[in-house]
N, C-alpha and C. Protein backbone atom coordinates (compact mmCIF):
# COMPACT_ATOMS: atom_id res chain seq x y z
N MET A 1 -4.34 207.48 28.42
CA MET A 1 -2.87 208.56 28.42
C MET A 1 -2.79 208.63 30.07
N LYS A 2 -3.70 208.85 31.18
CA LYS A 2 -3.44 208.83 32.40
C LYS A 2 -2.92 207.32 32.70
N TYR A 3 -3.38 206.49 32.67
CA TYR A 3 -2.99 205.35 33.10
C TYR A 3 -1.33 205.11 32.67
N LEU A 4 -1.08 205.48 31.25
CA LEU A 4 0.18 204.95 30.65
C LEU A 4 1.37 206.03 31.76
N LEU A 5 0.73 207.10 31.84
CA LEU A 5 1.43 208.13 32.66
C LEU A 5 1.80 208.06 34.21
N LYS A 6 0.94 207.39 34.70
CA LYS A 6 1.00 206.59 36.34
C LYS A 6 2.17 205.50 36.29
N LYS A 7 2.12 204.67 35.16
CA LYS A 7 2.86 203.70 35.17
C LYS A 7 4.56 203.90 34.74
N SER A 8 4.49 205.15 34.15
CA SER A 8 5.93 205.58 33.73
C SER A 8 6.76 205.82 34.73
N ASP A 9 7.83 205.45 34.44
CA ASP A 9 9.00 205.70 35.55
C ASP A 9 9.57 206.87 35.61
N ILE A 10 9.25 207.87 34.72
CA ILE A 10 9.79 209.44 34.73
C ILE A 10 8.77 209.93 33.89
N VAL A 11 8.25 211.07 34.33
CA VAL A 11 6.97 211.74 33.61
C VAL A 11 7.85 213.21 33.45
N VAL A 12 8.15 213.78 32.53
CA VAL A 12 8.87 215.22 31.91
C VAL A 12 7.86 215.78 31.83
N ALA A 13 7.84 217.28 32.19
CA ALA A 13 7.02 218.51 31.96
C ALA A 13 7.87 219.30 31.34
N MET A 14 7.33 220.26 30.44
CA MET A 14 8.30 221.53 29.95
C MET A 14 8.39 222.65 30.49
N ASP A 15 7.64 222.71 32.05
CA ASP A 15 7.32 224.02 32.60
C ASP A 15 6.91 223.71 34.03
N PRO A 16 7.45 224.49 35.14
CA PRO A 16 6.78 223.97 36.50
C PRO A 16 5.32 224.22 36.62
N LEU A 17 4.54 225.05 35.64
CA LEU A 17 3.30 224.91 36.36
C LEU A 17 2.58 223.62 35.43
N THR A 18 3.15 222.87 34.57
CA THR A 18 2.61 221.59 33.97
C THR A 18 3.09 220.70 34.81
N ALA A 19 4.29 220.79 35.24
CA ALA A 19 4.81 219.93 36.12
C ALA A 19 4.10 219.81 37.29
N LYS A 20 3.62 220.78 38.05
CA LYS A 20 2.61 220.71 39.23
C LYS A 20 1.27 220.09 39.00
N GLN A 21 0.76 220.81 37.74
CA GLN A 21 -0.67 220.12 37.06
C GLN A 21 -0.58 218.41 37.17
N SER A 22 0.68 218.18 36.52
CA SER A 22 0.87 216.64 36.42
C SER A 22 0.88 215.64 37.95
N ASN A 23 1.42 216.42 38.78
CA ASN A 23 1.58 216.03 39.92
C ASN A 23 0.50 215.90 40.80
N SER A 24 -0.33 216.56 40.39
CA SER A 24 -1.84 216.99 40.92
C SER A 24 -2.84 215.75 40.26
N ILE A 25 -2.60 215.66 39.12
CA ILE A 25 -3.43 214.73 38.40
C ILE A 25 -3.35 213.48 38.20
N LEU A 26 -1.67 213.05 38.46
CA LEU A 26 -1.10 211.76 38.88
C LEU A 26 -1.12 211.46 40.22
N LYS A 27 -1.34 212.13 40.74
CA LYS A 27 -0.93 211.82 42.42
C LYS A 27 0.55 211.38 42.87
N ARG A 28 1.28 211.91 42.23
CA ARG A 28 2.53 211.52 42.33
C ARG A 28 3.42 213.15 42.48
N ASP A 29 5.14 213.07 42.84
CA ASP A 29 5.50 214.31 43.12
C ASP A 29 6.85 214.43 42.67
N ASP A 30 7.10 213.38 41.57
CA ASP A 30 8.53 213.45 41.10
C ASP A 30 8.48 213.89 39.44
N THR A 31 7.47 214.74 38.97
CA THR A 31 7.46 214.93 37.34
C THR A 31 8.81 216.04 37.52
N LEU A 32 9.38 215.59 36.51
CA LEU A 32 10.75 216.22 36.38
C LEU A 32 10.57 217.32 35.21
N THR A 33 11.06 218.34 35.40
CA THR A 33 11.02 219.71 34.48
C THR A 33 12.08 219.82 33.58
N ILE A 34 11.97 219.67 32.39
CA ILE A 34 12.75 219.75 31.57
C ILE A 34 12.67 220.91 30.55
N PRO A 35 13.01 222.03 30.16
CA PRO A 35 12.78 223.01 29.39
C PRO A 35 13.10 222.63 27.81
N LEU A 36 11.76 223.20 27.13
CA LEU A 36 12.11 222.83 25.53
C LEU A 36 13.46 222.57 24.97
N PRO A 37 13.90 221.63 24.62
CA PRO A 37 15.49 222.39 23.95
C PRO A 37 15.52 222.60 22.43
N ALA A 38 14.54 223.85 22.24
CA ALA A 38 14.08 224.20 21.10
C ALA A 38 15.43 224.79 20.20
N LEU A 39 16.77 225.40 20.87
CA LEU A 39 17.76 226.10 20.42
C LEU A 39 18.88 225.49 20.15
N PRO A 40 19.21 225.70 18.94
CA PRO A 40 21.05 225.19 18.96
C PRO A 40 21.59 225.68 19.95
N MET A 41 23.08 224.87 19.78
CA MET A 41 24.26 225.29 21.08
C MET A 41 24.58 226.44 20.38
N ARG A 42 24.99 227.23 21.57
CA ARG A 42 25.19 228.36 21.34
C ARG A 42 26.55 229.08 20.02
N PRO A 43 25.80 230.07 19.33
CA PRO A 43 26.49 230.27 18.38
C PRO A 43 28.05 230.82 18.77
N SER A 44 29.15 230.53 17.79
CA SER A 44 30.51 231.02 18.46
C SER A 44 30.61 232.78 18.06
N ILE A 45 29.71 232.98 17.10
CA ILE A 45 29.72 234.25 16.74
C ILE A 45 28.54 235.29 17.38
N PRO A 46 28.91 235.95 18.39
CA PRO A 46 27.75 236.70 18.94
C PRO A 46 26.50 237.29 18.18
N ILE A 47 25.77 237.86 18.69
CA ILE A 47 24.68 238.38 17.63
C ILE A 47 25.12 239.82 17.35
N ASN A 48 24.64 240.57 16.23
CA ASN A 48 25.42 241.95 15.78
C ASN A 48 24.30 242.70 16.76
N THR A 49 24.66 243.37 17.47
CA THR A 49 23.86 244.50 18.54
C THR A 49 23.28 245.70 17.78
N HIS A 50 23.73 245.91 16.62
CA HIS A 50 23.41 247.19 15.69
C HIS A 50 22.28 246.75 14.42
N ALA A 51 21.90 245.44 14.50
CA ALA A 51 21.40 245.21 13.06
C ALA A 51 19.88 245.57 12.82
N HIS A 52 19.20 245.77 13.72
CA HIS A 52 18.07 245.99 13.79
C HIS A 52 17.52 247.78 13.55
N THR A 53 16.13 247.55 13.09
CA THR A 53 15.53 248.43 12.55
C THR A 53 14.71 249.44 13.31
N PRO A 54 14.35 250.62 13.74
CA PRO A 54 13.47 251.22 14.75
C PRO A 54 12.38 251.25 14.10
N TYR A 55 11.27 250.98 15.15
CA TYR A 55 9.61 250.67 14.55
C TYR A 55 9.38 249.72 13.66
N SER A 56 10.30 248.56 13.56
CA SER A 56 9.99 247.71 13.04
C SER A 56 9.42 246.46 13.73
N VAL A 57 8.57 245.83 13.39
CA VAL A 57 8.06 245.08 14.29
C VAL A 57 7.71 243.58 13.31
N LEU A 58 8.11 242.44 13.80
CA LEU A 58 7.85 241.07 13.46
C LEU A 58 7.09 239.87 13.94
N ALA A 59 6.22 239.23 13.25
CA ALA A 59 5.38 238.24 13.69
C ALA A 59 5.28 237.06 12.75
N ALA A 60 5.40 236.05 13.39
CA ALA A 60 5.75 234.64 12.42
C ALA A 60 4.91 233.15 12.92
N GLY A 61 4.13 232.67 11.98
CA GLY A 61 3.58 231.43 12.23
C GLY A 61 2.73 231.33 11.35
N ARG A 62 1.83 230.18 11.03
CA ARG A 62 0.87 230.08 9.81
C ARG A 62 -0.17 230.72 10.29
N LEU A 63 -0.78 231.21 8.73
CA LEU A 63 -2.01 232.44 9.13
C LEU A 63 -3.36 231.73 9.26
N THR A 64 -3.17 231.26 10.22
CA THR A 64 -4.78 230.27 11.21
C THR A 64 -5.24 231.32 12.32
N GLU A 65 -6.60 231.14 12.40
CA GLU A 65 -7.52 231.06 13.19
C GLU A 65 -6.55 231.39 14.77
N GLN A 66 -5.73 229.96 15.10
CA GLN A 66 -5.22 230.25 16.33
C GLN A 66 -3.90 231.14 16.73
N LYS A 67 -3.16 231.58 15.70
CA LYS A 67 -2.32 232.56 16.00
C LYS A 67 -2.50 234.29 16.19
N GLY A 68 -3.76 234.40 15.77
CA GLY A 68 -4.12 235.83 16.05
C GLY A 68 -3.52 236.84 15.39
N PHE A 69 -3.55 236.71 14.34
CA PHE A 69 -2.74 237.79 13.25
C PHE A 69 -4.19 238.82 13.13
N ASP A 70 -5.44 238.35 13.07
CA ASP A 70 -6.21 239.38 13.00
C ASP A 70 -6.28 240.16 14.12
N THR A 71 -6.13 239.66 15.13
CA THR A 71 -6.06 240.64 16.38
C THR A 71 -4.88 241.78 16.16
N LEU A 72 -3.80 241.37 15.97
CA LEU A 72 -2.42 241.87 16.09
C LEU A 72 -2.70 243.25 14.80
N ILE A 73 -3.26 242.77 13.59
CA ILE A 73 -3.80 244.06 12.47
C ILE A 73 -4.35 245.21 13.31
N ASP A 74 -5.73 244.64 13.98
CA ASP A 74 -6.37 245.25 14.47
C ASP A 74 -5.61 246.26 15.73
N ALA A 75 -4.53 245.75 16.42
CA ALA A 75 -3.85 246.49 17.28
C ALA A 75 -2.94 247.09 16.27
N PHE A 76 -2.56 246.78 15.45
CA PHE A 76 -1.47 247.58 14.83
C PHE A 76 -2.16 249.21 14.45
N ARG A 77 -3.34 248.64 13.80
CA ARG A 77 -4.19 250.08 13.24
C ARG A 77 -3.50 251.34 14.33
N LEU A 78 -3.76 251.10 15.73
CA LEU A 78 -3.94 251.67 16.83
C LEU A 78 -2.21 252.04 16.84
N VAL A 79 -1.49 251.35 16.70
CA VAL A 79 0.17 251.39 16.98
C VAL A 79 0.64 252.56 15.74
N VAL A 80 -0.16 252.55 14.42
CA VAL A 80 0.37 253.32 13.58
C VAL A 80 -0.23 254.83 13.58
N ASP A 81 -1.51 255.14 14.47
CA ASP A 81 -1.95 256.17 15.13
C ASP A 81 -0.43 256.99 16.03
N THR A 82 -0.03 256.18 16.26
CA THR A 82 1.37 256.97 17.19
C THR A 82 2.38 256.95 16.50
N TYR A 83 2.82 255.98 16.13
CA TYR A 83 4.19 255.89 14.98
C TYR A 83 3.83 255.31 13.62
N PRO A 84 3.16 256.69 12.56
CA PRO A 84 2.87 256.21 11.30
C PRO A 84 4.23 255.33 10.77
N GLU A 85 5.17 255.58 10.88
CA GLU A 85 6.13 254.91 10.25
C GLU A 85 6.66 253.41 10.86
N ALA A 86 5.74 253.24 11.60
CA ALA A 86 6.06 251.72 12.29
C ALA A 86 5.49 250.54 11.31
N LYS A 87 6.45 249.40 11.23
CA LYS A 87 6.01 248.53 9.66
C LYS A 87 5.96 246.83 10.94
N LEU A 88 5.33 246.55 10.10
CA LEU A 88 4.82 245.19 10.48
C LEU A 88 5.07 243.72 9.61
N THR A 89 5.85 242.85 9.88
CA THR A 89 5.94 242.07 9.07
C THR A 89 5.38 240.67 9.65
N ILE A 90 4.86 239.98 8.83
CA ILE A 90 4.36 238.63 9.36
C ILE A 90 4.73 237.35 8.59
N CYS A 91 5.51 236.68 8.87
CA CYS A 91 6.29 235.74 7.86
C CYS A 91 5.06 234.43 8.37
N GLY A 92 5.07 233.87 7.11
CA GLY A 92 4.42 232.51 7.34
C GLY A 92 2.79 232.74 6.13
N GLU A 93 2.68 231.22 5.96
CA GLU A 93 1.58 230.99 5.06
C GLU A 93 0.26 230.34 5.44
N GLY A 94 -0.85 230.41 5.23
CA GLY A 94 -1.83 229.96 5.43
C GLY A 94 -3.00 229.75 5.03
N GLU A 95 -3.95 229.72 5.45
CA GLU A 95 -5.57 229.18 5.15
C GLU A 95 -6.13 230.82 4.94
N ASP A 96 -5.78 231.38 6.02
CA ASP A 96 -6.42 232.95 6.32
C ASP A 96 -5.57 233.77 5.58
N ARG A 97 -4.67 233.89 4.67
CA ARG A 97 -4.44 235.19 4.06
C ARG A 97 -5.30 235.74 3.19
N PRO A 98 -6.23 235.25 2.46
CA PRO A 98 -6.91 236.43 1.95
C PRO A 98 -7.79 237.12 2.82
N ALA A 99 -8.40 236.00 3.84
CA ALA A 99 -9.15 237.36 4.93
C ALA A 99 -8.01 238.20 5.76
N LEU A 100 -7.08 238.08 5.95
CA LEU A 100 -5.93 239.12 6.89
C LEU A 100 -5.40 240.18 5.41
N GLU A 101 -5.42 239.73 4.30
CA GLU A 101 -5.24 240.79 3.07
C GLU A 101 -6.47 242.01 3.12
N ALA A 102 -7.62 241.03 2.98
CA ALA A 102 -8.63 242.06 2.95
C ALA A 102 -8.52 243.19 4.33
N GLN A 103 -8.34 242.51 5.44
CA GLN A 103 -8.72 243.32 6.94
C GLN A 103 -7.42 244.35 6.49
N ILE A 104 -6.58 243.98 5.76
CA ILE A 104 -5.27 245.08 6.05
C ILE A 104 -5.48 246.35 4.90
N LYS A 105 -6.32 245.59 4.17
CA LYS A 105 -6.72 246.79 2.89
C LYS A 105 -7.79 247.55 3.58
N SER A 106 -8.92 247.03 4.36
CA SER A 106 -9.93 248.02 4.86
C SER A 106 -9.41 248.71 5.88
N LEU A 107 -8.19 248.50 6.37
CA LEU A 107 -7.77 249.68 7.37
C LEU A 107 -6.49 250.54 7.06
N HIS A 108 -6.57 250.30 5.51
CA HIS A 108 -5.65 251.22 4.57
C HIS A 108 -4.32 250.96 5.32
N LEU A 109 -3.93 249.65 5.61
CA LEU A 109 -2.79 249.52 6.48
C LEU A 109 -1.51 248.94 5.23
N GLU A 110 -1.82 249.17 4.21
CA GLU A 110 -0.98 248.52 3.23
C GLU A 110 0.43 248.84 3.23
N ASN A 111 0.64 250.04 3.39
CA ASN A 111 2.05 250.44 3.57
C ASN A 111 2.58 250.36 5.03
N ASN A 112 1.96 250.02 5.91
CA ASN A 112 2.69 249.45 7.16
C ASN A 112 2.84 247.79 7.31
N ILE A 113 1.87 247.08 7.03
CA ILE A 113 2.01 245.47 7.21
C ILE A 113 2.16 244.87 5.63
N HIS A 114 3.23 244.05 5.90
CA HIS A 114 3.35 243.09 4.97
C HIS A 114 3.47 241.52 5.32
N LEU A 115 2.66 240.96 4.41
CA LEU A 115 2.57 239.26 4.39
C LEU A 115 3.71 238.65 4.09
N GLN A 116 4.83 238.37 4.93
CA GLN A 116 5.87 237.97 3.81
C GLN A 116 5.74 236.74 3.46
N GLY A 117 4.63 235.53 3.79
CA GLY A 117 4.82 234.47 3.29
C GLY A 117 5.85 233.23 3.88
N TYR A 118 6.04 232.21 3.51
CA TYR A 118 6.57 231.30 4.15
C TYR A 118 8.38 231.56 3.88
N VAL A 119 8.99 231.71 5.12
CA VAL A 119 10.27 231.84 4.97
C VAL A 119 11.02 230.45 5.66
N ALA A 120 12.27 230.24 5.23
CA ALA A 120 12.55 228.92 5.41
C ALA A 120 13.61 228.90 6.98
N ASP A 121 14.16 230.06 7.09
CA ASP A 121 14.92 230.26 8.40
C ASP A 121 14.20 231.77 8.69
N ILE A 122 13.98 232.09 10.25
CA ILE A 122 13.38 233.51 10.29
C ILE A 122 14.46 234.10 10.87
N THR A 123 15.63 233.40 11.37
CA THR A 123 16.74 234.16 12.23
C THR A 123 16.90 235.42 11.40
N PRO A 124 17.62 235.74 10.25
CA PRO A 124 17.55 236.97 9.61
C PRO A 124 16.28 238.05 9.89
N TYR A 125 15.58 237.67 10.10
CA TYR A 125 14.07 238.44 10.05
C TYR A 125 14.08 238.99 11.61
N LEU A 126 14.31 237.88 12.60
CA LEU A 126 14.59 238.85 13.82
C LEU A 126 15.79 239.46 14.02
N ARG A 127 16.84 239.52 13.51
CA ARG A 127 17.93 239.95 13.38
C ARG A 127 17.85 241.65 12.96
N GLU A 128 16.38 241.80 12.06
CA GLU A 128 16.48 242.76 11.41
C GLU A 128 15.44 243.78 11.96
N ASN A 129 14.32 242.93 12.73
CA ASN A 129 13.41 243.93 13.63
C ASN A 129 13.74 244.18 14.74
N SER A 130 13.06 244.92 15.37
CA SER A 130 13.25 245.84 17.22
C SER A 130 12.43 245.04 17.85
N LEU A 131 11.27 244.50 17.21
CA LEU A 131 10.46 243.60 18.28
C LEU A 131 9.97 242.88 17.68
N PHE A 132 9.57 241.60 18.57
CA PHE A 132 8.83 240.47 18.05
C PHE A 132 7.53 240.50 18.84
N VAL A 133 6.46 239.96 18.30
CA VAL A 133 5.15 239.97 18.93
C VAL A 133 4.30 238.65 18.57
N LEU A 134 4.11 237.90 19.54
CA LEU A 134 3.28 236.62 19.28
C LEU A 134 1.65 237.04 20.09
N SER A 135 0.80 236.92 19.14
CA SER A 135 -0.59 237.48 19.19
C SER A 135 -1.44 236.03 19.26
N SER A 136 -0.71 234.74 19.52
CA SER A 136 -1.58 233.53 19.56
C SER A 136 -2.58 233.52 20.60
N ARG A 137 -3.99 232.82 19.93
CA ARG A 137 -4.77 232.50 21.27
C ARG A 137 -4.50 231.31 22.12
N ARG A 138 -3.51 230.53 21.52
CA ARG A 138 -3.21 229.03 22.33
C ARG A 138 -1.97 228.57 21.39
N GLU A 139 -1.01 228.29 22.45
CA GLU A 139 0.14 227.56 21.92
C GLU A 139 0.59 226.72 22.79
N GLY A 140 1.43 225.75 22.13
CA GLY A 140 1.93 224.23 23.12
C GLY A 140 2.95 225.07 24.18
N TYR A 141 4.00 225.67 23.28
CA TYR A 141 4.92 226.05 24.15
C TYR A 141 5.10 227.86 23.56
N GLY A 142 5.16 227.80 22.36
CA GLY A 142 5.78 228.96 22.13
C GLY A 142 7.33 228.97 21.88
N ALA A 143 7.65 228.25 21.09
CA ALA A 143 9.54 227.94 20.91
C ALA A 143 9.97 229.49 20.30
N VAL A 144 8.84 229.75 18.95
CA VAL A 144 9.57 230.96 18.24
C VAL A 144 9.84 231.98 19.53
N LEU A 145 9.19 232.25 20.53
CA LEU A 145 9.91 233.32 21.84
C LEU A 145 10.98 233.04 21.86
N LEU A 146 11.64 231.94 22.27
CA LEU A 146 12.99 231.30 22.56
C LEU A 146 13.75 231.96 21.00
N GLU A 147 13.24 231.78 19.96
CA GLU A 147 14.13 232.06 19.12
C GLU A 147 14.45 233.73 18.99
N ALA A 148 13.21 234.23 19.20
CA ALA A 148 13.40 235.56 19.13
C ALA A 148 13.91 236.40 20.30
N LEU A 149 14.08 235.72 21.68
CA LEU A 149 14.80 236.15 22.73
C LEU A 149 16.27 235.55 22.70
N ASP A 150 16.53 234.88 21.82
CA ASP A 150 17.97 234.24 21.69
C ASP A 150 18.53 235.67 20.53
N ALA A 151 18.03 235.88 19.84
CA ALA A 151 17.97 236.93 18.84
C ALA A 151 18.47 238.25 19.38
N GLY A 152 18.31 238.52 20.46
CA GLY A 152 18.24 239.76 21.35
C GLY A 152 17.01 240.80 20.89
N CYS A 153 15.80 240.34 20.51
CA CYS A 153 14.65 240.85 20.27
C CYS A 153 14.16 241.15 21.80
N ARG A 154 13.52 242.54 21.75
CA ARG A 154 12.40 242.69 22.77
C ARG A 154 11.19 241.77 22.10
N VAL A 155 10.20 241.37 23.12
CA VAL A 155 9.24 240.68 22.70
C VAL A 155 7.87 241.56 23.67
N VAL A 156 6.67 241.19 22.99
CA VAL A 156 5.28 241.33 23.39
C VAL A 156 4.47 239.93 22.70
N THR A 157 3.89 239.20 23.91
CA THR A 157 3.38 238.01 23.88
C THR A 157 2.11 237.96 24.51
N THR A 158 0.91 237.18 24.15
CA THR A 158 -0.28 237.07 24.70
C THR A 158 -0.03 235.91 25.87
N ASP A 159 -0.79 236.02 26.55
CA ASP A 159 -0.86 234.55 27.78
C ASP A 159 -1.18 233.56 27.16
N CYS A 160 -0.83 233.19 26.26
CA CYS A 160 -1.17 231.87 25.27
C CYS A 160 -1.07 230.46 25.78
N THR A 161 0.05 230.33 26.50
CA THR A 161 0.56 228.99 27.18
C THR A 161 1.05 229.14 28.43
N PRO A 162 1.05 228.20 29.49
CA PRO A 162 1.61 228.38 30.57
C PRO A 162 2.97 228.42 30.90
N ALA A 163 3.51 228.12 29.78
CA ALA A 163 4.93 228.23 29.56
C ALA A 163 5.75 229.91 29.60
N ILE A 164 4.71 230.77 29.10
CA ILE A 164 5.32 232.27 29.00
C ILE A 164 5.69 232.42 30.62
N ARG A 165 4.93 232.19 31.71
CA ARG A 165 5.63 232.74 32.93
C ARG A 165 6.69 232.27 33.06
N ASP A 166 7.14 231.26 32.80
CA ASP A 166 8.38 230.45 32.80
C ASP A 166 9.28 231.34 32.12
N ILE A 167 9.24 231.30 30.87
CA ILE A 167 10.20 232.07 30.32
C ILE A 167 10.47 233.27 30.50
N PHE A 168 9.47 234.30 30.68
CA PHE A 168 9.71 235.52 31.47
C PHE A 168 10.20 235.51 32.55
N MET A 169 10.12 234.78 33.62
CA MET A 169 10.64 234.92 34.89
C MET A 169 12.25 234.40 34.95
N ASN A 170 12.57 234.26 33.60
CA ASN A 170 14.21 233.72 33.63
C ASN A 170 14.68 234.60 32.48
N THR A 171 13.86 235.73 31.67
CA THR A 171 14.25 236.59 30.92
C THR A 171 13.25 237.57 30.56
N PRO A 172 13.22 238.60 31.61
CA PRO A 172 12.14 239.60 31.51
C PRO A 172 12.36 240.70 30.35
N ALA A 173 12.10 240.13 28.98
CA ALA A 173 12.44 241.34 28.05
C ALA A 173 11.18 241.90 27.11
N GLY A 174 10.17 242.03 27.86
CA GLY A 174 9.07 242.46 27.30
C GLY A 174 8.02 242.50 27.74
N SER A 175 6.57 242.30 27.29
CA SER A 175 5.44 242.37 27.90
C SER A 175 4.33 241.03 27.60
N VAL A 176 3.61 241.02 28.78
CA VAL A 176 2.70 240.00 28.19
C VAL A 176 1.45 240.49 28.58
N VAL A 177 0.46 240.10 27.39
CA VAL A 177 -1.00 240.70 27.72
C VAL A 177 -2.02 239.51 27.42
N SER A 178 -3.05 240.20 27.91
CA SER A 178 -4.11 239.04 27.76
C SER A 178 -4.65 238.54 26.44
N VAL A 179 -5.22 237.14 25.99
CA VAL A 179 -5.39 237.11 24.84
C VAL A 179 -6.71 237.73 23.92
N ASP A 180 -6.40 238.00 22.70
CA ASP A 180 -7.29 238.74 22.03
C ASP A 180 -7.98 239.98 22.47
N ASN A 181 -6.95 240.76 23.13
CA ASN A 181 -6.97 242.18 23.82
C ASN A 181 -6.49 243.09 22.72
N VAL A 182 -7.19 243.67 22.10
CA VAL A 182 -6.72 244.58 20.93
C VAL A 182 -6.11 245.83 21.66
N SER A 183 -6.80 246.14 22.52
CA SER A 183 -5.98 247.72 23.66
C SER A 183 -4.92 247.51 24.09
N ALA A 184 -4.94 246.13 24.72
CA ALA A 184 -3.62 245.87 25.58
C ALA A 184 -2.69 245.49 24.68
N LEU A 185 -2.57 244.99 23.77
CA LEU A 185 -1.66 244.41 22.34
C LEU A 185 -1.04 245.62 21.99
N SER A 186 -2.16 246.75 21.20
CA SER A 186 -1.24 247.80 20.97
C SER A 186 -0.66 248.43 21.67
N THR A 187 -1.22 248.73 23.22
CA THR A 187 -0.70 249.69 24.22
C THR A 187 0.80 249.11 24.80
N ALA A 188 1.07 247.51 24.21
CA ALA A 188 2.32 247.41 24.70
C ALA A 188 3.36 247.11 23.76
N ILE A 189 2.88 246.98 22.59
CA ILE A 189 3.75 247.45 21.10
C ILE A 189 4.28 248.97 21.24
N ILE A 190 3.19 249.61 21.63
CA ILE A 190 3.76 251.33 21.54
C ILE A 190 4.69 251.65 22.53
N LYS A 191 4.50 250.91 23.79
CA LYS A 191 5.37 250.95 25.09
C LYS A 191 6.51 250.36 24.53
N GLU A 192 6.84 249.07 23.67
CA GLU A 192 8.32 248.84 23.63
C GLU A 192 8.73 249.96 22.33
N LEU A 193 8.13 250.23 21.63
CA LEU A 193 8.34 250.84 20.49
C LEU A 193 9.09 252.55 20.92
N ALA A 194 8.34 252.89 22.09
CA ALA A 194 8.84 254.26 22.64
C ALA A 194 9.96 254.16 23.47
N THR A 195 10.33 252.69 23.79
CA THR A 195 11.79 252.42 24.58
C THR A 195 12.66 251.98 23.67
N PHE A 196 12.70 252.20 22.26
CA PHE A 196 13.55 251.77 21.28
C PHE A 196 15.27 252.11 21.57
N SER A 197 15.96 251.13 21.57
CA SER A 197 17.51 251.29 22.05
C SER A 197 18.10 250.85 20.43
N SER A 198 19.36 251.73 20.03
CA SER A 198 19.80 251.22 18.97
C SER A 198 20.62 249.96 19.51
N GLU A 199 20.82 249.92 20.94
CA GLU A 199 21.58 248.56 21.39
C GLU A 199 20.78 247.57 21.49
N ARG A 200 21.18 246.36 21.02
CA ARG A 200 20.47 245.32 21.07
C ARG A 200 21.03 244.26 22.34
N THR A 201 20.04 243.82 23.20
CA THR A 201 20.71 243.24 24.57
C THR A 201 20.67 241.63 24.08
N SER A 202 21.65 241.18 24.40
CA SER A 202 21.82 239.57 24.16
C SER A 202 21.24 238.77 25.36
N HIS A 203 20.34 238.12 25.26
CA HIS A 203 19.69 237.05 26.35
C HIS A 203 20.44 235.59 26.36
N SER A 204 21.86 235.58 25.78
CA SER A 204 22.21 234.44 25.44
C SER A 204 22.46 233.46 26.86
N ASP A 205 22.87 234.05 27.75
CA ASP A 205 23.32 233.26 28.95
C ASP A 205 21.90 232.74 29.66
N GLN A 206 20.72 233.80 29.63
CA GLN A 206 19.47 233.36 29.99
C GLN A 206 18.69 232.32 29.11
N MET A 207 19.39 232.03 28.09
CA MET A 207 18.52 231.14 26.82
C MET A 207 19.49 229.68 26.63
N ASP A 208 20.47 229.61 27.55
CA ASP A 208 21.23 228.27 27.47
C ASP A 208 20.17 227.29 28.03
N ARG A 209 19.50 227.35 29.20
CA ARG A 209 18.45 226.12 29.30
C ARG A 209 17.61 225.62 28.36
N TYR A 210 17.67 226.46 27.37
CA TYR A 210 16.54 225.71 26.02
C TYR A 210 17.45 225.24 25.03
N ARG A 211 18.76 225.26 25.01
CA ARG A 211 19.48 224.52 24.18
C ARG A 211 19.83 223.35 23.74
N ILE A 212 19.74 222.71 22.90
CA ILE A 212 19.49 221.21 22.56
C ILE A 212 20.55 220.29 23.26
N ASN A 213 21.66 221.16 23.25
CA ASN A 213 22.68 220.12 24.29
C ASN A 213 22.21 220.28 25.64
N VAL A 214 22.04 221.31 26.21
CA VAL A 214 21.83 221.25 27.61
C VAL A 214 20.20 220.14 27.99
N GLY A 215 19.13 220.29 26.87
CA GLY A 215 18.11 219.54 27.25
C GLY A 215 18.69 217.89 26.64
N GLY A 216 19.43 217.64 25.87
CA GLY A 216 19.54 216.33 25.87
C GLY A 216 20.53 215.66 27.02
N ASP A 217 21.42 216.56 27.38
CA ASP A 217 21.86 216.02 28.84
C ASP A 217 21.04 215.79 29.81
N LEU A 218 20.08 216.45 30.09
CA LEU A 218 19.00 216.45 31.03
C LEU A 218 18.14 215.20 30.58
N TYR A 219 17.99 215.01 29.66
CA TYR A 219 17.37 213.88 29.24
C TYR A 219 17.85 212.25 29.45
N LEU A 220 19.19 212.51 28.89
CA LEU A 220 20.06 211.48 29.11
C LEU A 220 20.41 211.10 30.61
N GLU A 221 20.16 212.20 31.30
CA GLU A 221 20.58 211.75 32.80
C GLU A 221 19.63 211.42 33.50
N ALA A 222 17.88 211.13 32.95
CA ALA A 222 16.83 210.88 33.64
C ALA A 222 16.87 209.45 33.28
N VAL A 223 17.41 209.13 31.83
CA VAL A 223 17.23 207.89 31.50
C VAL A 223 18.26 206.91 32.22
N ARG A 224 19.50 207.59 32.05
CA ARG A 224 20.36 206.75 33.18
C ARG A 224 20.24 206.56 34.64
N SER A 225 19.11 207.34 35.24
CA SER A 225 18.60 207.52 36.69
C SER A 225 17.43 206.11 36.60
N ILE A 226 16.67 205.96 35.73
CA ILE A 226 16.29 204.56 35.33
C ILE A 226 16.92 203.60 35.24
N LYS A 227 17.72 203.35 34.65
CA LYS A 227 18.64 202.40 34.35
C LYS A 227 19.11 201.78 35.95
N LYS A 228 19.91 203.04 36.24
CA LYS A 228 20.54 202.74 37.74
C LYS A 228 19.49 202.30 38.89
N SER A 229 18.13 202.66 39.06
CA SER A 229 17.03 202.27 39.51
C SER A 229 17.03 200.50 39.55
N MET A 230 17.09 200.35 38.23
CA MET A 230 16.98 198.79 38.11
C MET A 230 18.13 197.94 38.26
N GLN A 231 18.68 198.52 38.49
CA GLN A 231 19.97 197.69 39.14
C GLN A 231 20.06 196.77 40.25
């Protein structure tokens, strides 16, 4: 792989840190940064700024060890101590469902945490909930964070990918905590719930760099530059 990258006309990274690492490893200085084009073109209808419920928290992903939902459930037990009415919905299905169900039951959180199962479209859930939490132990990019921010959610995330710093540098709309830190995760969630506002903030302007049409134009420009250099 390293050999192929060295021979490539263009190397593209999805965030500045990865681009810097690429340049260092490959002994080059021209790695391009093109953010992950994970979002659709900007909708013609603005988000509903009043459509979310107070003290409602959403998480999403496959129910596997990677996603850290066991840590999130432990953290939410501490959240409920402060906000007994707080609700957590976890969208997704996977092999860890029985273990997570048992954990929820052992912590007596059946009235606070709901495993929704697989959903085809997470957008309605993002619009209904006031806070999105990414509790992953590791992620490639964390595209679901982009979807949450695009929907106007506040977010709490673990530092599970180098892309986190790039995302939050452009859109400061939440908190970043260390991986597998129950105390830090619960504190961040409580802090966000304490500052709940019925007004949802749109981050559409900051999210434009992640839209498929913007990314497509940048990739097309990169390909054209190769063609031009060969003439």
